[in-house]
PDB file of all heavy atoms in Angstrom:
ATOM      1  N   VAL A   1     118.348 119.278  35.418  1.00  0.00           N
ATOM      2  CA  VAL A   1     117.875 119.008  36.880  1.00  0.00           C
ATOM      3  C   VAL A   1     119.059 119.173  37.795  1.00  0.00           C
ATOM      4  O   VAL A   1     120.205 118.760  37.497  1.00  0.00           O
ATOM      5  CB  VAL A   1     117.286 117.593  36.838  1.00  0.00           C
ATOM      6  CG1 VAL A   1     116.926 117.262  38.274  1.00  0.00           C
ATOM      7  CG2 VAL A   1     116.157 117.452  35.976  1.00  0.00           C
ATOM      8  N   PRO A   2     118.832 119.820  38.919  1.00  0.00           N
ATOM      9  CA  PRO A   2     119.959 119.984  39.889  1.00  0.00           C
ATOM     10  C   PRO A   2     120.685 118.613  40.147  1.00  0.00           C
ATOM     11  O   PRO A   2     120.091 117.569  40.272  1.00  0.00           O
ATOM     12  CB  PRO A   2     119.315 120.469  41.144  1.00  0.00           C
ATOM     13  CG  PRO A   2     118.127 121.205  40.629  1.00  0.00           C
ATOM     14  CD  PRO A   2     117.554 120.384  39.507  1.00  0.00           C
ATOM     15  N   GLU A   3     122.037 118.711  40.357  1.00  0.00           N
ATOM     16  CA  GLU A   3     122.787 117.530  40.557  1.00  0.00           C
ATOM     17  C   GLU A   3     122.401 116.877  41.891  1.00  0.00           C
ATOM     18  O   GLU A   3     122.451 115.570  41.971  1.00  0.00           O
ATOM     19  CB  GLU A   3     124.324 117.856  40.686  1.00  0.00           C
ATOM     20  CG  GLU A   3     125.300 116.786  40.742  1.00  0.00           C
ATOM     21  CD  GLU A   3     125.267 115.963  39.437  1.00  0.00           C
ATOM     22  OE1 GLU A   3     124.859 116.507  38.408  1.00  0.00           O
ATOM     23  OE2 GLU A   3     125.664 114.808  39.458  1.00  0.00           O
ATOM     24  N   GLU A   4     121.999 117.694  42.840  1.00  0.00           N
ATOM     25  CA  GLU A   4     121.642 116.954  44.128  1.00  0.00           C
ATOM     26  C   GLU A   4     120.367 116.103  43.919  1.00  0.00           C
ATOM     27  O   GLU A   4     120.301 114.999  44.510  1.00  0.00           O
ATOM     28  CB  GLU A   4     121.204 118.075  45.117  1.00  0.00           C
ATOM     29  CG  GLU A   4     120.757 117.448  46.452  1.00  0.00           C
ATOM     30  CD  GLU A   4     120.311 118.658  47.370  1.00  0.00           C
ATOM     31  OE1 GLU A   4     120.362 119.848  46.916  1.00  0.00           O
ATOM     32  OE2 GLU A   4     119.811 118.326  48.430  1.00  0.00           O
ATOM     33  N   THR A   5     119.452 116.555  43.046  1.00  0.00           N
ATOM     34  CA  THR A   5     118.341 115.781  42.739  1.00  0.00           C
ATOM     35  C   THR A   5     118.762 114.463  42.068  1.00  0.00           C
ATOM     36  O   THR A   5     118.185 113.363  42.308  1.00  0.00           O
ATOM     37  CB  THR A   5     117.245 116.523  41.916  1.00  0.00           C
ATOM     38  OG1 THR A   5     116.929 117.694  42.761  1.00  0.00           O
ATOM     39  CG2 THR A   5     116.061 115.727  41.741  1.00  0.00           C
ATOM     40  N   LEU A   6     119.530 114.600  41.028  1.00  0.00           N
ATOM     41  CA  LEU A   6     120.027 113.500  40.226  1.00  0.00           C
ATOM     42  C   LEU A   6     120.611 112.317  41.174  1.00  0.00           C
ATOM     43  O   LEU A   6     120.359 111.209  40.998  1.00  0.00           O
ATOM     44  CB  LEU A   6     120.992 113.940  39.130  1.00  0.00           C
ATOM     45  CG  LEU A   6     120.462 114.837  38.018  1.00  0.00           C
ATOM     46  CD1 LEU A   6     121.470 115.242  37.115  1.00  0.00           C
ATOM     47  CD2 LEU A   6     119.203 114.133  37.333  1.00  0.00           C
ATOM     48  N   ILE A   7     121.513 112.798  42.008  1.00  0.00           N
ATOM     49  CA  ILE A   7     122.211 111.992  42.989  1.00  0.00           C
ATOM     50  C   ILE A   7     121.129 111.240  43.795  1.00  0.00           C
ATOM     51  O   ILE A   7     121.289 110.007  44.107  1.00  0.00           O
ATOM     52  CB  ILE A   7     123.307 112.611  43.702  1.00  0.00           C
ATOM     53  CG1 ILE A   7     124.394 113.124  42.822  1.00  0.00           C
ATOM     54  CG2 ILE A   7     123.891 111.738  44.762  1.00  0.00           C
ATOM     55  CD1 ILE A   7     125.506 114.026  43.469  1.00  0.00           C
ATOM     56  N   SER A   8     120.305 112.000  44.311  1.00  0.00           N
ATOM     57  CA  SER A   8     119.296 111.359  45.248  1.00  0.00           C
ATOM     58  C   SER A   8     118.452 110.415  44.559  1.00  0.00           C
ATOM     59  O   SER A   8     118.192 109.229  45.089  1.00  0.00           O
ATOM     60  CB  SER A   8     118.392 112.478  45.876  1.00  0.00           C
ATOM     61  OG  SER A   8     117.465 111.990  46.705  1.00  0.00           O
ATOM     62  N   VAL A   9     118.015 110.648  43.281  1.00  0.00           N
ATOM     63  CA  VAL A   9     117.215 109.733  42.565  1.00  0.00           C
ATOM     64  C   VAL A   9     118.017 108.405  42.162  1.00  0.00           C
ATOM     65  O   VAL A   9     117.513 107.305  42.347  1.00  0.00           O
ATOM     66  CB  VAL A   9     116.691 110.349  41.264  1.00  0.00           C
ATOM     67  CG1 VAL A   9     115.996 109.330  40.288  1.00  0.00           C
ATOM     68  CG2 VAL A   9     115.720 111.461  41.544  1.00  0.00           C
ATOM     69  N   HIS A  10     119.184 108.633  41.831  1.00  0.00           N
ATOM     70  CA  HIS A  10     120.217 107.517  41.591  1.00  0.00           C
ATOM     71  C   HIS A  10     120.287 106.643  42.774  1.00  0.00           C
ATOM     72  O   HIS A  10     120.256 105.406  42.586  1.00  0.00           O
ATOM     73  CB  HIS A  10     121.417 108.082  41.013  1.00  0.00           C
ATOM     74  CG  HIS A  10     122.514 106.986  40.750  1.00  0.00           C
ATOM     75  ND1 HIS A  10     123.391 106.506  41.643  1.00  0.00           N
ATOM     76  CD2 HIS A  10     122.710 106.181  39.630  1.00  0.00           C
ATOM     77  CE1 HIS A  10     124.157 105.608  41.143  1.00  0.00           C
ATOM     78  NE2 HIS A  10     123.739 105.369  39.895  1.00  0.00           N
ATOM     79  N   ASP A  11     120.547 107.305  43.875  1.00  0.00           N
ATOM     80  CA  ASP A  11     120.825 106.435  45.148  1.00  0.00           C
ATOM     81  C   ASP A  11     119.585 105.619  45.491  1.00  0.00           C
ATOM     82  O   ASP A  11     119.634 104.616  45.947  1.00  0.00           O
ATOM     83  CB  ASP A  11     121.187 107.398  46.262  1.00  0.00           C
ATOM     84  CG  ASP A  11     122.563 107.909  46.090  1.00  0.00           C
ATOM     85  OD1 ASP A  11     123.301 107.448  45.225  1.00  0.00           O
ATOM     86  OD2 ASP A  11     122.898 108.970  46.666  1.00  0.00           O
ATOM     87  N   LEU A  12     118.349 106.304  45.309  1.00  0.00           N
ATOM     88  CA  LEU A  12     117.231 105.531  45.635  1.00  0.00           C
ATOM     89  C   LEU A  12     116.953 104.469  44.768  1.00  0.00           C
ATOM     90  O   LEU A  12     116.475 103.258  45.126  1.00  0.00           O
ATOM     91  CB  LEU A  12     115.878 106.503  45.636  1.00  0.00           C
ATOM     92  CG  LEU A  12     115.824 107.567  46.781  1.00  0.00           C
ATOM     93  CD1 LEU A  12     114.652 108.504  46.503  1.00  0.00           C
ATOM     94  CD2 LEU A  12     115.678 106.868  48.058  1.00  0.00           C
ATOM     95  N   PHE A  13     117.285 104.524  43.437  1.00  0.00           N
ATOM     96  CA  PHE A  13     117.143 103.339  42.518  1.00  0.00           C
ATOM     97  C   PHE A  13     118.072 102.403  42.848  1.00  0.00           C
ATOM     98  O   PHE A  13     117.761 101.056  42.884  1.00  0.00           O
ATOM     99  CB  PHE A  13     117.385 103.892  41.078  1.00  0.00           C
ATOM    100  CG  PHE A  13     116.180 104.355  40.404  1.00  0.00           C
ATOM    101  CD1 PHE A  13     116.101 105.706  39.847  1.00  0.00           C
ATOM    102  CD2 PHE A  13     115.067 103.558  40.210  1.00  0.00           C
ATOM    103  CE1 PHE A  13     115.021 106.082  39.157  1.00  0.00           C
ATOM    104  CE2 PHE A  13     113.870 103.960  39.614  1.00  0.00           C
ATOM    105  CZ  PHE A  13     113.887 105.318  39.019  1.00  0.00           C
ATOM    106  N   GLN A  14     119.350 102.629  43.305  1.00  0.00           N
ATOM    107  CA  GLN A  14     120.304 101.784  43.588  1.00  0.00           C
ATOM    108  C   GLN A  14     119.855 100.908  44.909  1.00  0.00           C
ATOM    109  O   GLN A  14     119.851  99.764  44.953  1.00  0.00           O
ATOM    110  CB  GLN A  14     121.682 102.390  43.887  1.00  0.00           C
ATOM    111  CG  GLN A  14     122.327 102.912  42.651  1.00  0.00           C
ATOM    112  CD  GLN A  14     122.878 101.691  41.789  1.00  0.00           C
ATOM    113  OE1 GLN A  14     123.232 100.725  42.330  1.00  0.00           O
ATOM    114  NE2 GLN A  14     122.837 101.911  40.500  1.00  0.00           N
ATOM    115  N   ALA A  15     119.276 101.712  45.890  1.00  0.00           N
ATOM    116  CA  ALA A  15     118.810 101.076  47.031  1.00  0.00           C
ATOM    117  C   ALA A  15     117.716 100.032  46.790  1.00  0.00           C
ATOM    118  O   ALA A  15     117.679  99.029  47.378  1.00  0.00           O
ATOM    119  CB  ALA A  15     118.375 102.088  48.061  1.00  0.00           C
ATOM    120  N   CYS A  16     116.799 100.437  45.868  1.00  0.00           N
ATOM    121  CA  CYS A  16     115.704  99.465  45.499  1.00  0.00           C
ATOM    122  C   CYS A  16     116.208  98.207  44.905  1.00  0.00           C
ATOM    123  O   CYS A  16     115.768  97.120  45.174  1.00  0.00           O
ATOM    124  CB  CYS A  16     114.704 100.191  44.637  1.00  0.00           C
ATOM    125  SG  CYS A  16     113.820 101.515  45.474  1.00  0.00           S
ATOM    126  N   ASN A  17     117.167  98.376  43.956  1.00  0.00           N
ATOM    127  CA  ASN A  17     117.741  97.226  43.297  1.00  0.00           C
ATOM    128  C   ASN A  17     118.493  96.297  44.167  1.00  0.00           C
ATOM    129  O   ASN A  17     118.439  95.139  44.161  1.00  0.00           O
ATOM    130  CB  ASN A  17     118.718  97.655  42.102  1.00  0.00           C
ATOM    131  CG  ASN A  17     117.942  98.390  40.976  1.00  0.00           C
ATOM    132  OD1 ASN A  17     116.739  97.971  40.757  1.00  0.00           O
ATOM    133  ND2 ASN A  17     118.523  99.214  40.236  1.00  0.00           N
ATOM    134  N   GLN A  18     119.300  96.975  45.083  1.00  0.00           N
ATOM    135  CA  GLN A  18     120.063  96.097  46.084  1.00  0.00           C
ATOM    136  C   GLN A  18     119.119  95.451  47.101  1.00  0.00           C
ATOM    137  O   GLN A  18     119.472  94.358  47.538  1.00  0.00           O
ATOM    138  CB  GLN A  18     121.065  97.082  46.781  1.00  0.00           C
ATOM    139  CG  GLN A  18     122.174  97.623  45.893  1.00  0.00           C
ATOM    140  CD  GLN A  18     123.091  98.368  46.606  1.00  0.00           C
ATOM    141  OE1 GLN A  18     123.019  98.636  47.791  1.00  0.00           O
ATOM    142  NE2 GLN A  18     124.094  99.050  45.893  1.00  0.00           N
ATOM    143  N   ALA A  19     118.106  96.060  47.395  1.00  0.00           N
ATOM    144  CA  ALA A  19     117.136  95.421  48.414  1.00  0.00           C
ATOM    145  C   ALA A  19     116.484  94.267  47.963  1.00  0.00           C
ATOM    146  O   ALA A  19     115.916  93.411  48.702  1.00  0.00           O
ATOM    147  CB  ALA A  19     116.106  96.441  48.801  1.00  0.00           C
ATOM    148  N   ARG A  20     116.443  93.991  46.548  1.00  0.00           N
ATOM    149  CA  ARG A  20     115.726  92.805  46.060  1.00  0.00           C
ATOM    150  C   ARG A  20     116.475  91.544  46.435  1.00  0.00           C
ATOM    151  O   ARG A  20     115.848  90.497  46.635  1.00  0.00           O
ATOM    152  CB  ARG A  20     115.484  92.898  44.563  1.00  0.00           C
ATOM    153  CG  ARG A  20     114.679  93.957  44.181  1.00  0.00           C
ATOM    154  CD  ARG A  20     114.384  94.065  42.609  1.00  0.00           C
ATOM    155  NE  ARG A  20     113.633  95.181  42.228  1.00  0.00           N
ATOM    156  CZ  ARG A  20     113.337  95.459  40.965  1.00  0.00           C
ATOM    157  NH1 ARG A  20     113.780  94.675  40.071  1.00  0.00           N
ATOM    158  NH2 ARG A  20     112.556  96.457  40.548  1.00  0.00           N
ATOM    159  N   TYR A  21     117.820  91.594  46.372  1.00  0.00           N
ATOM    160  CA  TYR A  21     118.581  90.398  46.528  1.00  0.00           C
ATOM    161  C   TYR A  21     119.652  90.513  47.703  1.00  0.00           C
ATOM    162  O   TYR A  21     120.514  89.580  47.745  1.00  0.00           O
ATOM    163  CB  TYR A  21     119.357  90.063  45.191  1.00  0.00           C
ATOM    164  CG  TYR A  21     118.356  90.132  44.088  1.00  0.00           C
ATOM    165  CD1 TYR A  21     118.350  91.189  43.167  1.00  0.00           C
ATOM    166  CD2 TYR A  21     117.348  89.153  43.831  1.00  0.00           C
ATOM    167  CE1 TYR A  21     117.454  91.235  42.123  1.00  0.00           C
ATOM    168  CE2 TYR A  21     116.507  89.164  42.838  1.00  0.00           C
ATOM    169  CZ  TYR A  21     116.516  90.277  41.957  1.00  0.00           C
ATOM    170  OH  TYR A  21     115.648  90.331  40.916  1.00  0.00           O
ATOM    171  N   SER A  22     119.653  91.496  48.547  1.00  0.00           N
ATOM    172  CA  SER A  22     120.432  91.521  49.694  1.00  0.00           C
ATOM    173  C   SER A  22     119.635  91.389  50.967  1.00  0.00           C
ATOM    174  O   SER A  22     118.435  91.238  50.886  1.00  0.00           O
ATOM    175  CB  SER A  22     121.186  92.897  49.728  1.00  0.00           C
ATOM    176  OG  SER A  22     120.269  93.883  49.714  1.00  0.00           O
ATOM    177  N   ARG A  23     120.275  91.314  52.031  1.00  0.00           N
ATOM    178  CA  ARG A  23     119.610  91.103  53.267  1.00  0.00           C
ATOM    179  C   ARG A  23     118.772  92.364  53.644  1.00  0.00           C
ATOM    180  O   ARG A  23     119.073  93.497  53.170  1.00  0.00           O
ATOM    181  CB  ARG A  23     120.544  90.908  54.471  1.00  0.00           C
ATOM    182  CG  ARG A  23     121.476  92.096  54.714  1.00  0.00           C
ATOM    183  CD  ARG A  23     122.383  91.804  55.888  1.00  0.00           C
ATOM    184  NE  ARG A  23     123.267  93.001  56.183  1.00  0.00           N
ATOM    185  CZ  ARG A  23     122.890  93.924  57.073  1.00  0.00           C
ATOM    186  NH1 ARG A  23     121.710  93.857  57.668  1.00  0.00           N
ATOM    187  NH2 ARG A  23     123.613  94.987  57.378  1.00  0.00           N
ATOM    188  N   HIS A  24     117.619  92.151  54.257  1.00  0.00           N
ATOM    189  CA  HIS A  24     116.703  93.202  54.523  1.00  0.00           C
ATOM    190  C   HIS A  24     117.253  94.275  55.499  1.00  0.00           C
ATOM    191  O   HIS A  24     117.988  94.000  56.442  1.00  0.00           O
ATOM    192  CB  HIS A  24     115.408  92.667  55.096  1.00  0.00           C
ATOM    193  CG  HIS A  24     114.641  91.771  54.066  1.00  0.00           C
ATOM    194  ND1 HIS A  24     113.603  91.055  54.388  1.00  0.00           N
ATOM    195  CD2 HIS A  24     114.919  91.719  52.709  1.00  0.00           C
ATOM    196  CE1 HIS A  24     113.170  90.488  53.324  1.00  0.00           C
ATOM    197  NE2 HIS A  24     113.945  90.740  52.329  1.00  0.00           N
ATOM    198  N   SER A  25     116.770  95.550  55.261  1.00  0.00           N
ATOM    199  CA  SER A  25     117.260  96.599  56.165  1.00  0.00           C
ATOM    200  C   SER A  25     116.433  96.535  57.500  1.00  0.00           C
ATOM    201  O   SER A  25     115.403  95.822  57.538  1.00  0.00           O
ATOM    202  CB  SER A  25     116.989  97.961  55.511  1.00  0.00           C
ATOM    203  OG  SER A  25     117.568  98.043  54.280  1.00  0.00           O
ATOM    204  N   SER A  26     116.957  97.245  58.530  1.00  0.00           N
ATOM    205  CA  SER A  26     116.245  97.242  59.775  1.00  0.00           C
ATOM    206  C   SER A  26     115.150  98.245  59.812  1.00  0.00           C
ATOM    207  O   SER A  26     115.004  99.075  58.887  1.00  0.00           O
ATOM    208  CB  SER A  26     117.274  97.508  60.969  1.00  0.00           C
ATOM    209  OG  SER A  26     117.796  98.960  60.697  1.00  0.00           O
ATOM    210  N   ASN A  27     114.386  98.157  60.903  1.00  0.00           N
ATOM    211  CA  ASN A  27     113.261  99.053  60.995  1.00  0.00           C
ATOM    212  C   ASN A  27     113.622 100.545  61.122  1.00  0.00           C
ATOM    213  O   ASN A  27     113.121 101.450  60.380  1.00  0.00           O
ATOM    214  CB  ASN A  27     112.467  98.617  62.321  1.00  0.00           C
ATOM    215  CG  ASN A  27     111.248  99.601  62.489  1.00  0.00           C
ATOM    216  OD1 ASN A  27     111.345 100.610  63.075  1.00  0.00           O
ATOM    217  ND2 ASN A  27     110.010  99.253  62.064  1.00  0.00           N
ATOM    218  N   GLU A  28     114.756 100.785  61.778  1.00  0.00           N
ATOM    219  CA  GLU A  28     115.239 102.205  61.933  1.00  0.00           C
ATOM    220  C   GLU A  28     115.740 102.669  60.576  1.00  0.00           C
ATOM    221  O   GLU A  28     115.595 103.856  60.184  1.00  0.00           O
ATOM    222  CB  GLU A  28     116.330 102.256  62.975  1.00  0.00           C
ATOM    223  CG  GLU A  28     115.910 101.935  64.409  1.00  0.00           C
ATOM    224  CD  GLU A  28     115.693 100.498  64.676  1.00  0.00           C
ATOM    225  OE1 GLU A  28     115.932  99.708  63.808  1.00  0.00           O
ATOM    226  OE2 GLU A  28     115.131 100.258  65.758  1.00  0.00           O
ATOM    227  N   GLN A  29     116.414 101.787  59.744  1.00  0.00           N
ATOM    228  CA  GLN A  29     116.899 102.263  58.502  1.00  0.00           C
ATOM    229  C   GLN A  29     115.833 102.610  57.517  1.00  0.00           C
ATOM    230  O   GLN A  29     115.874 103.639  56.855  1.00  0.00           O
ATOM    231  CB  GLN A  29     117.761 101.174  57.853  1.00  0.00           C
ATOM    232  CG  GLN A  29     119.097 100.910  58.540  1.00  0.00           C
ATOM    233  CD  GLN A  29     119.833  99.776  58.037  1.00  0.00           C
ATOM    234  OE1 GLN A  29     119.273  98.835  57.488  1.00  0.00           O
ATOM    235  NE2 GLN A  29     121.215  99.830  58.144  1.00  0.00           N
ATOM    236  N   LEU A  30     114.690 101.803  57.568  1.00  0.00           N
ATOM    237  CA  LEU A  30     113.544 102.135  56.689  1.00  0.00           C
ATOM    238  C   LEU A  30     112.986 103.472  57.131  1.00  0.00           C
ATOM    239  O   LEU A  30     112.507 104.227  56.214  1.00  0.00           O
ATOM    240  CB  LEU A  30     112.589 101.014  56.673  1.00  0.00           C
ATOM    241  CG  LEU A  30     113.034  99.733  56.332  1.00  0.00           C
ATOM    242  CD1 LEU A  30     111.866  98.627  56.350  1.00  0.00           C
ATOM    243  CD2 LEU A  30     113.485  99.720  54.826  1.00  0.00           C
ATOM    244  N   ILE A  31     112.684 103.713  58.391  1.00  0.00           N
ATOM    245  CA  ILE A  31     112.099 104.939  58.908  1.00  0.00           C
ATOM    246  C   ILE A  31     112.989 106.159  58.453  1.00  0.00           C
ATOM    247  O   ILE A  31     112.369 107.200  58.133  1.00  0.00           O
ATOM    248  CB  ILE A  31     111.843 104.908  60.461  1.00  0.00           C
ATOM    249  CG1 ILE A  31     110.816 103.779  60.648  1.00  0.00           C
ATOM    250  CG2 ILE A  31     111.307 106.225  60.935  1.00  0.00           C
ATOM    251  CD1 ILE A  31     110.503 103.497  62.139  1.00  0.00           C
ATOM    252  N   SER A  32     114.282 105.972  58.694  1.00  0.00           N
ATOM    253  CA  SER A  32     115.164 107.059  58.362  1.00  0.00           C
ATOM    254  C   SER A  32     115.193 107.435  56.831  1.00  0.00           C
ATOM    255  O   SER A  32     115.610 108.542  56.380  1.00  0.00           O
ATOM    256  CB  SER A  32     116.563 106.702  58.848  1.00  0.00           C
ATOM    257  OG  SER A  32     117.021 105.734  58.208  1.00  0.00           O
ATOM    258  N   LEU A  33     114.850 106.500  56.076  1.00  0.00           N
ATOM    259  CA  LEU A  33     114.848 106.792  54.596  1.00  0.00           C
ATOM    260  C   LEU A  33     113.615 107.525  54.008  1.00  0.00           C
ATOM    261  O   LEU A  33     113.644 108.023  52.906  1.00  0.00           O
ATOM    262  CB  LEU A  33     115.001 105.419  53.799  1.00  0.00           C
ATOM    263  CG  LEU A  33     115.240 105.535  52.271  1.00  0.00           C
ATOM    264  CD1 LEU A  33     116.601 106.205  52.066  1.00  0.00           C
ATOM    265  CD2 LEU A  33     115.355 104.114  51.780  1.00  0.00           C
ATOM    266  N   ILE A  34     112.599 107.593  54.864  1.00  0.00           N
ATOM    267  CA  ILE A  34     111.278 108.196  54.413  1.00  0.00           C
ATOM    268  C   ILE A  34     111.487 109.685  54.148  1.00  0.00           C
ATOM    269  O   ILE A  34     111.000 110.084  53.122  1.00  0.00           O
ATOM    270  CB  ILE A  34     110.214 107.921  55.422  1.00  0.00           C
ATOM    271  CG1 ILE A  34     109.861 106.435  55.457  1.00  0.00           C
ATOM    272  CG2 ILE A  34     108.944 108.734  55.067  1.00  0.00           C
ATOM    273  CD1 ILE A  34     108.763 106.106  56.539  1.00  0.00           C
ATOM    274  N   PRO A  35     112.146 110.485  55.006  1.00  0.00           N
ATOM    275  CA  PRO A  35     112.355 111.933  54.661  1.00  0.00           C
ATOM    276  C   PRO A  35     113.039 112.180  53.358  1.00  0.00           C
ATOM    277  O   PRO A  35     112.785 112.939  52.605  1.00  0.00           O
ATOM    278  CB  PRO A  35     113.130 112.411  55.891  1.00  0.00           C
ATOM    279  CG  PRO A  35     112.783 111.510  56.974  1.00  0.00           C
ATOM    280  CD  PRO A  35     112.689 110.228  56.360  1.00  0.00           C
ATOM    281  N   THR A  36     114.032 111.284  53.081  1.00  0.00           N
ATOM    282  CA  THR A  36     114.882 111.392  51.728  1.00  0.00           C
ATOM    283  C   THR A  36     113.771 111.143  50.573  1.00  0.00           C
ATOM    284  O   THR A  36     113.860 111.847  49.594  1.00  0.00           O
ATOM    285  CB  THR A  36     115.955 110.399  51.798  1.00  0.00           C
ATOM    286  OG1 THR A  36     116.735 110.635  52.938  1.00  0.00           O
ATOM    287  CG2 THR A  36     116.690 110.555  50.492  1.00  0.00           C
ATOM    288  N   VAL A  37     112.987 110.102  50.730  1.00  0.00           N
ATOM    289  CA  VAL A  37     112.055 109.805  49.671  1.00  0.00           C
ATOM    290  C   VAL A  37     111.072 111.017  49.489  1.00  0.00           C
ATOM    291  O   VAL A  37     110.869 111.459  48.346  1.00  0.00           O
ATOM    292  CB  VAL A  37     111.255 108.573  50.004  1.00  0.00           C
ATOM    293  CG1 VAL A  37     110.218 108.303  48.966  1.00  0.00           C
ATOM    294  CG2 VAL A  37     112.199 107.332  50.066  1.00  0.00           C
ATOM    295  N   GLU A  38     110.557 111.683  50.550  1.00  0.00           N
ATOM    296  CA  GLU A  38     109.682 112.782  50.414  1.00  0.00           C
ATOM    297  C   GLU A  38     110.429 113.942  49.788  1.00  0.00           C
ATOM    298  O   GLU A  38     109.757 114.581  48.923  1.00  0.00           O
ATOM    299  CB  GLU A  38     109.099 113.132  51.780  1.00  0.00           C
ATOM    300  CG  GLU A  38     108.251 112.061  52.395  1.00  0.00           C
ATOM    301  CD  GLU A  38     107.735 112.442  53.791  1.00  0.00           C
ATOM    302  OE1 GLU A  38     108.413 113.345  54.450  1.00  0.00           O
ATOM    303  OE2 GLU A  38     106.625 111.914  54.232  1.00  0.00           O
ATOM    304  N   THR A  39     111.515 114.274  50.269  1.00  0.00           N
ATOM    305  CA  THR A  39     112.296 115.382  49.625  1.00  0.00           C
ATOM    306  C   THR A  39     112.548 115.125  48.133  1.00  0.00           C
ATOM    307  O   THR A  39     112.405 116.071  47.325  1.00  0.00           O
ATOM    308  CB  THR A  39     113.645 115.559  50.402  1.00  0.00           C
ATOM    309  OG1 THR A  39     113.305 115.716  51.784  1.00  0.00           O
ATOM    310  CG2 THR A  39     114.356 116.812  49.886  1.00  0.00           C
ATOM    311  N   THR A  40     112.965 113.967  47.811  1.00  0.00           N
ATOM    312  CA  THR A  40     113.266 113.657  46.378  1.00  0.00           C
ATOM    313  C   THR A  40     112.016 113.834  45.588  1.00  0.00           C
ATOM    314  O   THR A  40     112.036 114.420  44.453  1.00  0.00           O
ATOM    315  CB  THR A  40     113.809 112.345  46.340  1.00  0.00           C
ATOM    316  OG1 THR A  40     114.979 112.195  47.058  1.00  0.00           O
ATOM    317  CG2 THR A  40     114.132 111.990  44.744  1.00  0.00           C
ATOM    318  N   LEU A  41     110.905 113.262  45.990  1.00  0.00           N
ATOM    319  CA  LEU A  41     109.592 113.419  45.240  1.00  0.00           C
ATOM    320  C   LEU A  41     109.183 114.835  45.034  1.00  0.00           C
ATOM    321  O   LEU A  41     108.734 115.253  43.952  1.00  0.00           O
ATOM    322  CB  LEU A  41     108.480 112.565  45.964  1.00  0.00           C
ATOM    323  CG  LEU A  41     108.697 111.089  45.931  1.00  0.00           C
ATOM    324  CD1 LEU A  41     107.623 110.372  46.719  1.00  0.00           C
ATOM    325  CD2 LEU A  41     108.712 110.563  44.480  1.00  0.00           C
TER     326      LEU A  41
END
């Protein structure tokens, strides 16, 4: 699998794990993350 895809998947998993027990992200941060999720999927 391309390295770019692996890094993107890893970063999304890390973001999900950190979001469970860290302070919540802002509205703008969540909206800006949606294109990354769509591209990775």
